[in-house]
Amino acid sequence: MASGSRGRAQDRAKVAAGQDHEVRYEAKKEGVPKDKVRKAVKTAGNSRKKVEAEIGRH
């Protein structure tokens, strides 16, 4: 495995709805259930900023 940081910033800017640990982290951070995070990803896409904005709307 490479030891560089290439691609990490881009990876942190996204929420992978299929990865339980990422959904759990975002749900805890926003104080909402995991299902709401998954719905936000489905609606707004996987951009972390868009997901957080979508959660904030509801």
PDB file of N, CA and C in Angstrom:
ATOM      1  N   MET A   1       0.843  -1.189   0.000  1.00  0.00           N
ATOM      2  CA  MET A   1       0.000   0.000   0.000  1.00  0.00           C
ATOM      3  C   MET A   1       0.877   1.237   0.000  1.00  0.00           C
ATOM      4  N   ALA A   2       0.509   2.209  -0.790  1.00  0.00           N
ATOM      5  CA  ALA A   2       1.269   3.447  -0.878  1.00  0.00           C
ATOM      6  C   ALA A   2       1.121   4.271   0.398  1.00  0.00           C
ATOM      7  N   SER A   3       2.143   5.009   0.728  1.00  0.00           N
ATOM      8  CA  SER A   3       2.104   5.789   1.963  1.00  0.00           C
ATOM      9  C   SER A   3       1.797   7.262   1.722  1.00  0.00           C
ATOM     10  N   GLY A   4       1.486   7.651   0.484  1.00  0.00           N
ATOM     11  CA  GLY A   4       1.189   9.050   0.176  1.00  0.00           C
ATOM     12  C   GLY A   4      -0.222   9.430   0.594  1.00  0.00           C
ATOM     13  N   SER A   5      -0.531  10.708   0.478  1.00  0.00           N
ATOM     14  CA  SER A   5      -1.855  11.192   0.874  1.00  0.00           C
ATOM     15  C   SER A   5      -2.741  11.462  -0.330  1.00  0.00           C
ATOM     16  N   ARG A   6      -2.321  11.002  -1.501  1.00  0.00           N
ATOM     17  CA  ARG A   6      -3.059  11.269  -2.736  1.00  0.00           C
ATOM     18  C   ARG A   6      -4.486  10.721  -2.666  1.00  0.00           C
ATOM     19  N   GLY A   7      -5.462  11.593  -2.864  1.00  0.00           N
ATOM     20  CA  GLY A   7      -6.847  11.164  -2.876  1.00  0.00           C
ATOM     21  C   GLY A   7      -7.540  11.199  -1.530  1.00  0.00           C
ATOM     22  N   ARG A   8      -6.845  11.434  -0.468  1.00  0.00           N
ATOM     23  CA  ARG A   8      -7.466  11.413   0.858  1.00  0.00           C
ATOM     24  C   ARG A   8      -8.443  12.559   1.065  1.00  0.00           C
ATOM     25  N   ALA A   9      -8.077  13.764   0.635  1.00  0.00           N
ATOM     26  CA  ALA A   9      -8.954  14.919   0.816  1.00  0.00           C
ATOM     27  C   ALA A   9     -10.261  14.691   0.064  1.00  0.00           C
ATOM     28  N   GLN A  10     -10.162  14.139  -1.120  1.00  0.00           N
ATOM     29  CA  GLN A  10     -11.357  13.863  -1.911  1.00  0.00           C
ATOM     30  C   GLN A  10     -12.207  12.801  -1.219  1.00  0.00           C
ATOM     31  N   ASP A  11     -11.564  11.781  -0.654  1.00  0.00           N
ATOM     32  CA  ASP A  11     -12.286  10.715   0.030  1.00  0.00           C
ATOM     33  C   ASP A  11     -13.020  11.249   1.254  1.00  0.00           C
ATOM     34  N   ARG A  12     -12.402  12.155   1.978  1.00  0.00           N
ATOM     35  CA  ARG A  12     -13.036  12.711   3.175  1.00  0.00           C
ATOM     36  C   ARG A  12     -14.209  13.615   2.829  1.00  0.00           C
ATOM     37  N   ALA A  13     -14.249  14.089   1.604  1.00  0.00           N
ATOM     38  CA  ALA A  13     -15.310  14.988   1.171  1.00  0.00           C
ATOM     39  C   ALA A  13     -16.565  14.227   0.757  1.00  0.00           C
ATOM     40  N   LYS A  14     -16.528  12.898   0.869  1.00  0.00           N
ATOM     41  CA  LYS A  14     -17.668  12.090   0.435  1.00  0.00           C
ATOM     42  C   LYS A  14     -18.130  11.162   1.548  1.00  0.00           C
ATOM     43  N   VAL A  15     -19.406  10.794   1.467  1.00  0.00           N
ATOM     44  CA  VAL A  15     -19.983   9.839   2.409  1.00  0.00           C
ATOM     45  C   VAL A  15     -20.363   8.599   1.613  1.00  0.00           C
ATOM     46  N   ALA A  16     -19.768   7.475   1.937  1.00  0.00           N
ATOM     47  CA  ALA A  16     -20.094   6.224   1.251  1.00  0.00           C
ATOM     48  C   ALA A  16     -21.247   5.562   1.995  1.00  0.00           C
ATOM     49  N   ALA A  17     -22.437   5.606   1.407  1.00  0.00           N
ATOM     50  CA  ALA A  17     -23.632   5.063   2.061  1.00  0.00           C
ATOM     51  C   ALA A  17     -23.529   3.569   2.292  1.00  0.00           C
ATOM     52  N   GLY A  18     -22.710   2.881   1.521  1.00  0.00           N
ATOM     53  CA  GLY A  18     -22.536   1.442   1.681  1.00  0.00           C
ATOM     54  C   GLY A  18     -21.569   1.073   2.791  1.00  0.00           C
ATOM     55  N   GLN A  19     -20.865   2.047   3.329  1.00  0.00           N
ATOM     56  CA  GLN A  19     -19.904   1.803   4.401  1.00  0.00           C
ATOM     57  C   GLN A  19     -20.536   2.176   5.739  1.00  0.00           C
ATOM     58  N   ASP A  20     -20.854   1.171   6.541  1.00  0.00           N
ATOM     59  CA  ASP A  20     -21.564   1.408   7.801  1.00  0.00           C
ATOM     60  C   ASP A  20     -20.818   2.369   8.720  1.00  0.00           C
ATOM     61  N   HIS A  21     -19.490   2.261   8.779  1.00  0.00           N
ATOM     62  CA  HIS A  21     -18.738   3.141   9.684  1.00  0.00           C
ATOM     63  C   HIS A  21     -18.847   4.604   9.263  1.00  0.00           C
ATOM     64  N   GLU A  22     -18.902   4.867   7.956  1.00  0.00           N
ATOM     65  CA  GLU A  22     -19.048   6.260   7.498  1.00  0.00           C
ATOM     66  C   GLU A  22     -20.441   6.787   7.808  1.00  0.00           C
ATOM     67  N   VAL A  23     -21.453   5.972   7.592  1.00  0.00           N
ATOM     68  CA  VAL A  23     -22.830   6.378   7.880  1.00  0.00           C
ATOM     69  C   VAL A  23     -22.997   6.602   9.378  1.00  0.00           C
ATOM     70  N   ARG A  24     -22.431   5.713  10.183  1.00  0.00           N
ATOM     71  CA  ARG A  24     -22.523   5.823  11.645  1.00  0.00           C
ATOM     72  C   ARG A  24     -21.836   7.104  12.124  1.00  0.00           C
ATOM     73  N   TYR A  25     -20.665   7.418  11.573  1.00  0.00           N
ATOM     74  CA  TYR A  25     -19.938   8.630  11.940  1.00  0.00           C
ATOM     75  C   TYR A  25     -20.766   9.872  11.624  1.00  0.00           C
ATOM     76  N   GLU A  26     -21.297   9.935  10.400  1.00  0.00           N
ATOM     77  CA  GLU A  26     -22.066  11.111   9.985  1.00  0.00           C
ATOM     78  C   GLU A  26     -23.335  11.243  10.815  1.00  0.00           C
ATOM     79  N   ALA A  27     -23.990  10.120  11.120  1.00  0.00           N
ATOM     80  CA  ALA A  27     -25.211  10.145  11.922  1.00  0.00           C
ATOM     81  C   ALA A  27     -24.920  10.669  13.332  1.00  0.00           C
ATOM     82  N   LYS A  28     -23.827  10.205  13.920  1.00  0.00           N
ATOM     83  CA  LYS A  28     -23.461  10.660  15.270  1.00  0.00           C
ATOM     84  C   LYS A  28     -23.102  12.147  15.250  1.00  0.00           C
ATOM     85  N   LYS A  29     -22.349  12.555  14.228  1.00  0.00           N
ATOM     86  CA  LYS A  29     -21.921  13.947  14.100  1.00  0.00           C
ATOM     87  C   LYS A  29     -23.115  14.886  13.957  1.00  0.00           C
ATOM     88  N   GLU A  30     -24.107  14.471  13.173  1.00  0.00           N
ATOM     89  CA  GLU A  30     -25.286  15.309  12.925  1.00  0.00           C
ATOM     90  C   GLU A  30     -26.408  15.091  13.945  1.00  0.00           C
ATOM     91  N   GLY A  31     -26.303  14.043  14.753  1.00  0.00           N
ATOM     92  CA  GLY A  31     -27.326  13.763  15.756  1.00  0.00           C
ATOM     93  C   GLY A  31     -28.625  13.244  15.151  1.00  0.00           C
ATOM     94  N   VAL A  32     -28.507  12.436  14.099  1.00  0.00           N
ATOM     95  CA  VAL A  32     -29.683  11.882  13.422  1.00  0.00           C
ATOM     96  C   VAL A  32     -29.513  10.371  13.274  1.00  0.00           C
ATOM     97  N   PRO A  33     -30.617   9.652  12.986  1.00  0.00           N
ATOM     98  CA  PRO A  33     -30.506   8.203  12.756  1.00  0.00           C
ATOM     99  C   PRO A  33     -29.752   7.894  11.458  1.00  0.00           C
ATOM    100  N   LYS A  34     -29.173   6.687  11.388  1.00  0.00           N
ATOM    101  CA  LYS A  34     -28.424   6.269  10.202  1.00  0.00           C
ATOM    102  C   LYS A  34     -29.300   6.260   8.953  1.00  0.00           C
ATOM    103  N   ASP A  35     -30.567   5.902   9.089  1.00  0.00           N
ATOM    104  CA  ASP A  35     -31.470   5.871   7.941  1.00  0.00           C
ATOM    105  C   ASP A  35     -31.608   7.248   7.299  1.00  0.00           C
ATOM    106  N   LYS A  36     -31.611   8.280   8.127  1.00  0.00           N
ATOM    107  CA  LYS A  36     -31.736   9.642   7.601  1.00  0.00           C
ATOM    108  C   LYS A  36     -30.493  10.027   6.791  1.00  0.00           C
ATOM    109  N   VAL A  37     -29.322   9.569   7.232  1.00  0.00           N
ATOM    110  CA  VAL A  37     -28.090   9.831   6.489  1.00  0.00           C
ATOM    111  C   VAL A  37     -28.137   9.106   5.149  1.00  0.00           C
ATOM    112  N   ARG A  38     -28.561   7.852   5.151  1.00  0.00           N
ATOM    113  CA  ARG A  38     -28.634   7.086   3.899  1.00  0.00           C
ATOM    114  C   ARG A  38     -29.615   7.726   2.916  1.00  0.00           C
ATOM    115  N   LYS A  39     -30.757   8.207   3.419  1.00  0.00           N
ATOM    116  CA  LYS A  39     -31.735   8.877   2.557  1.00  0.00           C
ATOM    117  C   LYS A  39     -31.154  10.168   1.995  1.00  0.00           C
ATOM    118  N   ALA A  40     -30.406  10.896   2.816  1.00  0.00           N
ATOM    119  CA  ALA A  40     -29.789  12.143   2.366  1.00  0.00           C
ATOM    120  C   ALA A  40     -28.764  11.876   1.265  1.00  0.00           C
ATOM    121  N   VAL A  41     -28.005  10.787   1.393  1.00  0.00           N
ATOM    122  CA  VAL A  41     -27.025  10.428   0.367  1.00  0.00           C
ATOM    123  C   VAL A  41     -27.754  10.077  -0.923  1.00  0.00           C
ATOM    124  N   LYS A  42     -28.852   9.354  -0.797  1.00  0.00           N
ATOM    125  CA  LYS A  42     -29.620   8.963  -1.982  1.00  0.00           C
ATOM    126  C   LYS A  42     -30.217  10.188  -2.677  1.00  0.00           C
ATOM    127  N   THR A  43     -30.679  11.155  -1.900  1.00  0.00           N
ATOM    128  CA  THR A  43     -31.311  12.357  -2.442  1.00  0.00           C
ATOM    129  C   THR A  43     -30.287  13.358  -2.981  1.00  0.00           C
ATOM    130  N   ALA A  44     -29.260  13.653  -2.191  1.00  0.00           N
ATOM    131  CA  ALA A  44     -28.335  14.742  -2.512  1.00  0.00           C
ATOM    132  C   ALA A  44     -27.041  14.286  -3.176  1.00  0.00           C
ATOM    133  N   GLY A  45     -26.759  13.000  -3.180  1.00  0.00           N
ATOM    134  CA  GLY A  45     -25.489  12.507  -3.690  1.00  0.00           C
ATOM    135  C   GLY A  45     -24.539  12.263  -2.527  1.00  0.00           C
ATOM    136  N   ASN A  46     -23.306  11.871  -2.828  1.00  0.00           N
ATOM    137  CA  ASN A  46     -22.398  11.487  -1.745  1.00  0.00           C
ATOM    138  C   ASN A  46     -21.458  12.591  -1.266  1.00  0.00           C
ATOM    139  N   SER A  47     -21.636  13.805  -1.715  1.00  0.00           N
ATOM    140  CA  SER A  47     -20.837  14.923  -1.228  1.00  0.00           C
ATOM    141  C   SER A  47     -21.204  15.199   0.235  1.00  0.00           C
ATOM    142  N   ARG A  48     -20.206  15.229   1.092  1.00  0.00           N
ATOM    143  CA  ARG A  48     -20.457  15.427   2.529  1.00  0.00           C
ATOM    144  C   ARG A  48     -21.182  16.745   2.787  1.00  0.00           C
ATOM    145  N   LYS A  49     -20.794  17.815   2.084  1.00  0.00           N
ATOM    146  CA  LYS A  49     -21.450  19.114   2.277  1.00  0.00           C
ATOM    147  C   LYS A  49     -22.918  19.054   1.877  1.00  0.00           C
ATOM    148  N   LYS A  50     -23.208  18.390   0.756  1.00  0.00           N
ATOM    149  CA  LYS A  50     -24.588  18.279   0.295  1.00  0.00           C
ATOM    150  C   LYS A  50     -25.419  17.408   1.232  1.00  0.00           C
ATOM    151  N   VAL A  51     -24.825  16.345   1.741  1.00  0.00           N
ATOM    152  CA  VAL A  51     -25.524  15.469   2.681  1.00  0.00           C
ATOM    153  C   VAL A  51     -25.854  16.234   3.953  1.00  0.00           C
ATOM    154  N   GLU A  52     -24.888  16.979   4.474  1.00  0.00           N
ATOM    155  CA  GLU A  52     -25.123  17.759   5.700  1.00  0.00           C
ATOM    156  C   GLU A  52     -26.200  18.828   5.463  1.00  0.00           C
ATOM    157  N   ALA A  53     -26.193  19.444   4.280  1.00  0.00           N
ATOM    158  CA  ALA A  53     -27.218  20.438   3.961  1.00  0.00           C
ATOM    159  C   ALA A  53     -28.595  19.780   3.879  1.00  0.00           C
ATOM    160  N   GLU A  54     -28.651  18.615   3.271  1.00  0.00           N
ATOM    161  CA  GLU A  54     -29.922  17.882   3.144  1.00  0.00           C
ATOM    162  C   GLU A  54     -30.458  17.487   4.518  1.00  0.00           C
ATOM    163  N   ILE A  55     -29.596  17.042   5.408  1.00  0.00           N
ATOM    164  CA  ILE A  55     -30.016  16.672   6.768  1.00  0.00           C
ATOM    165  C   ILE A  55     -30.521  17.909   7.503  1.00  0.00           C
ATOM    166  N   GLY A  56     -29.862  19.046   7.301  1.00  0.00           N
ATOM    167  CA  GLY A  56     -30.230  20.278   7.967  1.00  0.00           C
ATOM    168  C   GLY A  56     -31.574  20.815   7.515  1.00  0.00           C
ATOM    169  N   ARG A  57     -32.005  20.477   6.297  1.00  0.00           N
ATOM    170  CA  ARG A  57     -33.287  20.943   5.775  1.00  0.00           C
ATOM    171  C   ARG A  57     -34.471  20.283   6.452  1.00  0.00           C
ATOM    172  N   HIS A  58     -34.273  19.066   6.931  1.00  0.00           N
ATOM    173  CA  HIS A  58     -35.406  18.301   7.478  1.00  0.00           C
ATOM    174  C   HIS A  58     -35.455  18.346   8.976  1.00  0.00           C
TER     175      HIS A  58
END
